[in-house]
Amino acid sequence: MRGVSDRSKIIFLMLLIIFLGGIGAFWLDYIGIVKLSGFLDPLRGEPELSMNASDDEPSLIEKEEFGKEKEKLQERIEELDKREALIAEKEKSIDSEREKIEQMKSGLQLEQKKLEGERNKDAGYRKNVMVLANKMANMPPEESVQIMVNWDEPLIIDVLRQMDADSEAAGKMSITAYLLTKFPNKEQASRIMYLMTQL
């Protein structure tokens, strides 16, 4: 009974050593110190062939679809670039038209100011003509002629016309024809009378 017990102990210890050795070998393989894959590959047999390669690399269909999507994206980008260029061109044209309108507006404003200035100037001139006509009508004819011969002919004509208009408005006879007979330069008097009938 004692011999059987020792033999059992030996067998148990041997099994324990093999078990611990196997665990140690797998542990060493796990941490990378010892590679057991070379010893275990013949026992595993040939690996099963994989029919689905989608995990490794894209298939031809996927490549074609990717290429088509890429082409569509490129066409879309080109279309957007064309639209952007067209919008930029239109904006440039609009800016040019706006600049022309601003120039025209500035020109019209200058013309308006010029016309207003001329109107004011003309109004002042007409007022002076009316004042001079009133004074010449209330002065002795000889003195009026002595003053008028020193004026420019356009002013003489305008004053004489105003005197005619004032006399007509007052229902009186105008003295402008008499004043012209008093001019020392008869040619000038004739010319003024002619221009009064023509202008």
C-alpha atoms as a PDB file:
ATOM      1  CA  MET A   1       0.000   0.000   0.000  1.00  0.00           C
ATOM      2  CA  ARG A   2       2.905   2.274   0.744  1.00  0.00           C
ATOM      3  CA  GLY A   3       4.522   1.604  -2.747  1.00  0.00           C
ATOM      4  CA  VAL A   4       1.343   2.474  -4.581  1.00  0.00           C
ATOM      5  CA  SER A   5       1.097   5.667  -2.643  1.00  0.00           C
ATOM      6  CA  ASP A   6       4.657   6.754  -3.652  1.00  0.00           C
ATOM      7  CA  ARG A   7       4.007   5.936  -7.293  1.00  0.00           C
ATOM      8  CA  SER A   8       0.815   7.990  -7.209  1.00  0.00           C
ATOM      9  CA  LYS A   9       2.753  10.876  -5.765  1.00  0.00           C
ATOM     10  CA  ILE A  10       5.339  10.666  -8.539  1.00  0.00           C
ATOM     11  CA  ILE A  11       2.663  10.568 -11.241  1.00  0.00           C
ATOM     12  CA  PHE A  12       0.853  13.479  -9.644  1.00  0.00           C
ATOM     13  CA  LEU A  13       4.048  15.501  -9.431  1.00  0.00           C
ATOM     14  CA  MET A  14       4.877  14.738 -13.076  1.00  0.00           C
ATOM     15  CA  LEU A  15       1.412  15.799 -14.188  1.00  0.00           C
ATOM     16  CA  LEU A  16       1.709  18.917 -12.080  1.00  0.00           C
ATOM     17  CA  ILE A  17       5.104  19.754 -13.630  1.00  0.00           C
ATOM     18  CA  ILE A  18       3.716  19.219 -17.160  1.00  0.00           C
ATOM     19  CA  PHE A  19       0.689  21.337 -16.358  1.00  0.00           C
ATOM     20  CA  LEU A  20       2.748  24.139 -14.880  1.00  0.00           C
ATOM     21  CA  GLY A  21       5.215  23.884 -17.776  1.00  0.00           C
ATOM     22  CA  GLY A  22       2.378  24.216 -20.287  1.00  0.00           C
ATOM     23  CA  ILE A  23       0.971  27.228 -18.482  1.00  0.00           C
ATOM     24  CA  GLY A  24       4.432  28.775 -18.356  1.00  0.00           C
ATOM     25  CA  ALA A  25       4.991  28.144 -22.072  1.00  0.00           C
ATOM     26  CA  PHE A  26       1.667  29.729 -23.007  1.00  0.00           C
ATOM     27  CA  TRP A  27       2.473  32.671 -20.749  1.00  0.00           C
ATOM     28  CA  LEU A  28       5.864  33.162 -22.373  1.00  0.00           C
ATOM     29  CA  ASP A  29       4.203  32.973 -25.798  1.00  0.00           C
ATOM     30  CA  TYR A  30       1.600  35.489 -24.716  1.00  0.00           C
ATOM     31  CA  ILE A  31       4.156  38.072 -23.590  1.00  0.00           C
ATOM     32  CA  GLY A  32       6.252  37.450 -26.724  1.00  0.00           C
ATOM     33  CA  ILE A  33       9.351  35.798 -25.287  1.00  0.00           C
ATOM     34  CA  VAL A  34       8.721  32.425 -26.888  1.00  0.00           C
ATOM     35  CA  LYS A  35       6.763  31.816 -30.135  1.00  0.00           C
ATOM     36  CA  LEU A  36       4.736  28.595 -30.014  1.00  0.00           C
ATOM     37  CA  SER A  37       2.857  29.331 -33.264  1.00  0.00           C
ATOM     38  CA  GLY A  38       5.495  27.468 -35.285  1.00  0.00           C
ATOM     39  CA  PHE A  39       4.974  24.327 -33.182  1.00  0.00           C
ATOM     40  CA  LEU A  40       1.170  24.606 -33.142  1.00  0.00           C
ATOM     41  CA  ASP A  41       0.567  25.408 -36.840  1.00  0.00           C
ATOM     42  CA  PRO A  42       0.896  21.742 -38.012  1.00  0.00           C
ATOM     43  CA  LEU A  43      -1.650  20.793 -35.393  1.00  0.00           C
ATOM     44  CA  ARG A  44      -4.125  23.492 -36.458  1.00  0.00           C
ATOM     45  CA  GLY A  45      -4.348  22.432 -40.092  1.00  0.00           C
ATOM     46  CA  GLU A  46      -4.802  24.769 -43.099  1.00  0.00           C
ATOM     47  CA  PRO A  47      -6.618  28.020 -42.344  1.00  0.00           C
ATOM     48  CA  GLU A  48     -10.061  28.484 -43.725  1.00  0.00           C
ATOM     49  CA  LEU A  49     -10.093  30.579 -46.904  1.00  0.00           C
ATOM     50  CA  SER A  50     -11.941  33.859 -46.609  1.00  0.00           C
ATOM     51  CA  MET A  51     -14.333  34.604 -49.462  1.00  0.00           C
ATOM     52  CA  ASN A  52     -15.149  38.085 -48.242  1.00  0.00           C
ATOM     53  CA  ALA A  53     -12.211  40.492 -48.624  1.00  0.00           C
ATOM     54  CA  SER A  54     -14.086  43.606 -47.680  1.00  0.00           C
ATOM     55  CA  ASP A  55     -12.263  43.894 -44.365  1.00  0.00           C
ATOM     56  CA  ASP A  56      -8.818  43.897 -45.999  1.00  0.00           C
ATOM     57  CA  GLU A  57      -9.194  46.127 -49.072  1.00  0.00           C
ATOM     58  CA  PRO A  58     -12.079  47.636 -51.114  1.00  0.00           C
ATOM     59  CA  SER A  59     -13.534  45.537 -53.884  1.00  0.00           C
ATOM     60  CA  LEU A  60     -13.587  46.585 -57.541  1.00  0.00           C
ATOM     61  CA  ILE A  61     -17.234  47.637 -57.285  1.00  0.00           C
ATOM     62  CA  GLU A  62     -16.469  49.843 -54.305  1.00  0.00           C
ATOM     63  CA  LYS A  63     -13.521  51.345 -56.169  1.00  0.00           C
ATOM     64  CA  GLU A  64     -15.740  52.133 -59.157  1.00  0.00           C
ATOM     65  CA  GLU A  65     -18.394  53.666 -56.934  1.00  0.00           C
ATOM     66  CA  PHE A  66     -15.756  55.735 -55.169  1.00  0.00           C
ATOM     67  CA  GLY A  67     -14.403  56.897 -58.523  1.00  0.00           C
ATOM     68  CA  LYS A  68     -17.875  57.906 -59.696  1.00  0.00           C
ATOM     69  CA  GLU A  69     -18.562  59.819 -56.488  1.00  0.00           C
ATOM     70  CA  LYS A  70     -15.215  61.535 -56.831  1.00  0.00           C
ATOM     71  CA  GLU A  71     -16.035  62.560 -60.420  1.00  0.00           C
ATOM     72  CA  LYS A  72     -19.444  63.878 -59.354  1.00  0.00           C
ATOM     73  CA  LEU A  73     -17.818  65.850 -56.566  1.00  0.00           C
ATOM     74  CA  GLN A  74     -15.256  67.299 -58.975  1.00  0.00           C
ATOM     75  CA  GLU A  75     -17.999  68.259 -61.441  1.00  0.00           C
ATOM     76  CA  ARG A  76     -19.915  69.914 -58.626  1.00  0.00           C
ATOM     77  CA  ILE A  77     -16.815  71.866 -57.582  1.00  0.00           C
ATOM     78  CA  GLU A  78     -16.242  73.015 -61.177  1.00  0.00           C
ATOM     79  CA  GLU A  79     -19.894  74.071 -61.482  1.00  0.00           C
ATOM     80  CA  LEU A  80     -19.660  76.063 -58.259  1.00  0.00           C
ATOM     81  CA  ASP A  81     -16.450  77.713 -59.485  1.00  0.00           C
ATOM     82  CA  LYS A  82     -18.191  78.712 -62.735  1.00  0.00           C
ATOM     83  CA  ARG A  83     -21.139  80.137 -60.810  1.00  0.00           C
ATOM     84  CA  GLU A  84     -18.814  82.036 -58.512  1.00  0.00           C
ATOM     85  CA  ALA A  85     -16.936  83.483 -61.499  1.00  0.00           C
ATOM     86  CA  LEU A  86     -20.238  84.459 -63.147  1.00  0.00           C
ATOM     87  CA  ILE A  87     -21.459  86.136 -59.956  1.00  0.00           C
ATOM     88  CA  ALA A  88     -18.162  87.995 -59.615  1.00  0.00           C
ATOM     89  CA  GLU A  89     -18.436  89.174 -63.227  1.00  0.00           C
ATOM     90  CA  LYS A  90     -22.016  90.348 -62.679  1.00  0.00           C
ATOM     91  CA  GLU A  91     -20.998  92.148 -59.493  1.00  0.00           C
ATOM     92  CA  LYS A  92     -18.195  93.845 -61.410  1.00  0.00           C
ATOM     93  CA  SER A  93     -20.645  94.906 -64.110  1.00  0.00           C
ATOM     94  CA  ILE A  94     -23.081  96.171 -61.467  1.00  0.00           C
ATOM     95  CA  ASP A  95     -20.294  98.146 -59.775  1.00  0.00           C
ATOM     96  CA  SER A  96     -19.369  99.665 -63.135  1.00  0.00           C
ATOM     97  CA  GLU A  97     -22.984 100.635 -63.830  1.00  0.00           C
ATOM     98  CA  ARG A  98     -23.313 102.039 -60.312  1.00  0.00           C
ATOM     99  CA  GLU A  99     -20.180 104.113 -60.866  1.00  0.00           C
ATOM    100  CA  LYS A 100     -21.588 105.445 -64.164  1.00  0.00           C
ATOM    101  CA  ILE A 101     -24.865 106.326 -62.439  1.00  0.00           C
ATOM    102  CA  GLU A 102     -22.975 108.118 -59.669  1.00  0.00           C
ATOM    103  CA  GLN A 103     -20.997 110.076 -62.280  1.00  0.00           C
ATOM    104  CA  MET A 104     -24.205 111.006 -64.109  1.00  0.00           C
ATOM    105  CA  LYS A 105     -25.796 112.028 -60.811  1.00  0.00           C
ATOM    106  CA  SER A 106     -22.775 114.183 -59.959  1.00  0.00           C
ATOM    107  CA  GLY A 107     -22.923 115.754 -63.430  1.00  0.00           C
ATOM    108  CA  LEU A 108     -26.634 116.493 -63.048  1.00  0.00           C
ATOM    109  CA  GLN A 109     -26.031 118.037 -59.643  1.00  0.00           C
ATOM    110  CA  LEU A 110     -23.328 120.282 -61.116  1.00  0.00           C
ATOM    111  CA  GLU A 111     -25.660 121.275 -63.963  1.00  0.00           C
ATOM    112  CA  GLN A 112     -28.401 122.006 -61.459  1.00  0.00           C
ATOM    113  CA  LYS A 113     -26.088 124.211 -59.415  1.00  0.00           C
ATOM    114  CA  LYS A 114     -24.942 125.943 -62.586  1.00  0.00           C
ATOM    115  CA  LEU A 115     -28.513 126.576 -63.695  1.00  0.00           C
ATOM    116  CA  GLU A 116     -29.437 127.838 -60.247  1.00  0.00           C
ATOM    117  CA  GLY A 117     -26.430 130.147 -60.307  1.00  0.00           C
ATOM    118  CA  GLU A 118     -27.355 131.428 -63.750  1.00  0.00           C
ATOM    119  CA  ARG A 119     -30.968 131.844 -62.661  1.00  0.00           C
ATOM    120  CA  ASN A 120     -29.895 133.799 -59.609  1.00  0.00           C
ATOM    121  CA  LYS A 121     -27.505 135.818 -61.711  1.00  0.00           C
ATOM    122  CA  ASP A 122     -30.203 136.475 -64.297  1.00  0.00           C
ATOM    123  CA  ALA A 123     -32.668 137.406 -61.564  1.00  0.00           C
ATOM    124  CA  GLY A 124     -30.162 139.873 -60.160  1.00  0.00           C
ATOM    125  CA  TYR A 125     -29.468 141.236 -63.624  1.00  0.00           C
ATOM    126  CA  ARG A 126     -33.170 141.634 -64.370  1.00  0.00           C
ATOM    127  CA  LYS A 127     -33.649 143.424 -61.066  1.00  0.00           C
ATOM    128  CA  ASN A 128     -30.806 145.838 -61.901  1.00  0.00           C
ATOM    129  CA  VAL A 129     -32.309 146.448 -65.350  1.00  0.00           C
ATOM    130  CA  MET A 130     -35.660 147.313 -63.769  1.00  0.00           C
ATOM    131  CA  VAL A 131     -33.999 149.706 -61.318  1.00  0.00           C
ATOM    132  CA  LEU A 132     -31.969 151.398 -64.063  1.00  0.00           C
ATOM    133  CA  ALA A 133     -35.004 151.673 -66.332  1.00  0.00           C
ATOM    134  CA  ASN A 134     -36.974 153.367 -63.560  1.00  0.00           C
ATOM    135  CA  LYS A 135     -34.129 155.809 -62.874  1.00  0.00           C
ATOM    136  CA  MET A 136     -33.594 156.635 -66.563  1.00  0.00           C
ATOM    137  CA  ALA A 137     -37.309 157.280 -67.000  1.00  0.00           C
ATOM    138  CA  ASN A 138     -37.358 159.734 -64.067  1.00  0.00           C
ATOM    139  CA  MET A 139     -34.245 161.666 -65.109  1.00  0.00           C
ATOM    140  CA  PRO A 140     -34.018 164.399 -67.709  1.00  0.00           C
ATOM    141  CA  PRO A 141     -33.486 162.815 -71.157  1.00  0.00           C
ATOM    142  CA  GLU A 142     -30.125 164.526 -71.730  1.00  0.00           C
ATOM    143  CA  GLU A 143     -28.710 163.229 -68.456  1.00  0.00           C
ATOM    144  CA  SER A 144     -30.055 159.731 -69.125  1.00  0.00           C
ATOM    145  CA  VAL A 145     -28.377 159.673 -72.543  1.00  0.00           C
ATOM    146  CA  GLN A 146     -25.054 160.856 -71.084  1.00  0.00           C
ATOM    147  CA  ILE A 147     -25.140 157.942 -68.655  1.00  0.00           C
ATOM    148  CA  MET A 148     -26.311 155.278 -71.143  1.00  0.00           C
ATOM    149  CA  VAL A 149     -23.663 156.034 -73.801  1.00  0.00           C
ATOM    150  CA  ASN A 150     -21.085 154.640 -71.351  1.00  0.00           C
ATOM    151  CA  TRP A 151     -22.876 151.287 -71.075  1.00  0.00           C
ATOM    152  CA  ASP A 152     -22.507 148.185 -73.211  1.00  0.00           C
ATOM    153  CA  GLU A 153     -25.053 147.979 -75.995  1.00  0.00           C
ATOM    154  CA  PRO A 154     -26.782 144.828 -74.580  1.00  0.00           C
ATOM    155  CA  LEU A 155     -27.444 146.671 -71.307  1.00  0.00           C
ATOM    156  CA  ILE A 156     -28.734 149.763 -73.178  1.00  0.00           C
ATOM    157  CA  ILE A 157     -31.103 147.531 -75.174  1.00  0.00           C
ATOM    158  CA  ASP A 158     -32.398 145.734 -72.072  1.00  0.00           C
ATOM    159  CA  VAL A 159     -32.972 149.020 -70.177  1.00  0.00           C
ATOM    160  CA  LEU A 160     -34.794 150.625 -73.120  1.00  0.00           C
ATOM    161  CA  ARG A 161     -36.998 147.537 -73.494  1.00  0.00           C
ATOM    162  CA  GLN A 162     -37.808 147.620 -69.795  1.00  0.00           C
ATOM    163  CA  MET A 163     -38.712 151.303 -70.120  1.00  0.00           C
ATOM    164  CA  ASP A 164     -41.082 150.386 -72.977  1.00  0.00           C
ATOM    165  CA  ALA A 165     -42.651 147.626 -70.851  1.00  0.00           C
ATOM    166  CA  ASP A 166     -43.048 149.943 -67.837  1.00  0.00           C
ATOM    167  CA  SER A 167     -44.636 152.660 -69.965  1.00  0.00           C
ATOM    168  CA  GLU A 168     -47.028 150.196 -71.544  1.00  0.00           C
ATOM    169  CA  ALA A 169     -47.991 148.839 -68.117  1.00  0.00           C
ATOM    170  CA  ALA A 170     -48.611 152.405 -66.858  1.00  0.00           C
ATOM    171  CA  GLY A 171     -50.570 153.367 -69.983  1.00  0.00           C
ATOM    172  CA  LYS A 172     -48.070 156.051 -70.937  1.00  0.00           C
ATOM    173  CA  MET A 173     -46.106 156.784 -74.085  1.00  0.00           C
ATOM    174  CA  SER A 174     -42.509 155.506 -74.012  1.00  0.00           C
ATOM    175  CA  ILE A 175     -39.640 157.993 -74.379  1.00  0.00           C
ATOM    176  CA  THR A 176     -37.112 155.448 -75.668  1.00  0.00           C
ATOM    177  CA  ALA A 177     -37.372 156.684 -79.280  1.00  0.00           C
ATOM    178  CA  TYR A 178     -36.746 160.234 -78.091  1.00  0.00           C
ATOM    179  CA  LEU A 179     -33.747 159.127 -76.019  1.00  0.00           C
ATOM    180  CA  LEU A 180     -32.211 157.456 -79.085  1.00  0.00           C
ATOM    181  CA  THR A 181     -32.464 160.739 -81.022  1.00  0.00           C
ATOM    182  CA  LYS A 182     -30.307 162.318 -78.304  1.00  0.00           C
ATOM    183  CA  PHE A 183     -27.453 159.817 -78.759  1.00  0.00           C
ATOM    184  CA  PRO A 184     -24.349 161.626 -80.066  1.00  0.00           C
ATOM    185  CA  ASN A 185     -23.401 158.586 -82.201  1.00  0.00           C
ATOM    186  CA  LYS A 186     -26.221 158.269 -84.720  1.00  0.00           C
ATOM    187  CA  GLU A 187     -24.895 154.969 -86.094  1.00  0.00           C
ATOM    188  CA  GLN A 188     -24.964 153.473 -82.604  1.00  0.00           C
ATOM    189  CA  ALA A 189     -28.487 154.760 -82.095  1.00  0.00           C
ATOM    190  CA  SER A 190     -29.604 153.208 -85.382  1.00  0.00           C
ATOM    191  CA  ARG A 191     -27.967 149.908 -84.530  1.00  0.00           C
ATOM    192  CA  ILE A 192     -29.582 149.810 -81.065  1.00  0.00           C
ATOM    193  CA  MET A 193     -32.996 150.574 -82.559  1.00  0.00           C
ATOM    194  CA  TYR A 194     -32.539 147.813 -85.122  1.00  0.00           C
ATOM    195  CA  LEU A 195     -31.441 145.270 -82.492  1.00  0.00           C
ATOM    196  CA  MET A 196     -34.407 146.169 -80.287  1.00  0.00           C
ATOM    197  CA  THR A 197     -36.741 145.123 -83.074  1.00  0.00           C
ATOM    198  CA  GLN A 198     -34.833 141.952 -83.927  1.00  0.00           C
ATOM    199  CA  LEU A 199     -33.944 140.377 -80.567  1.00  0.00           C
END
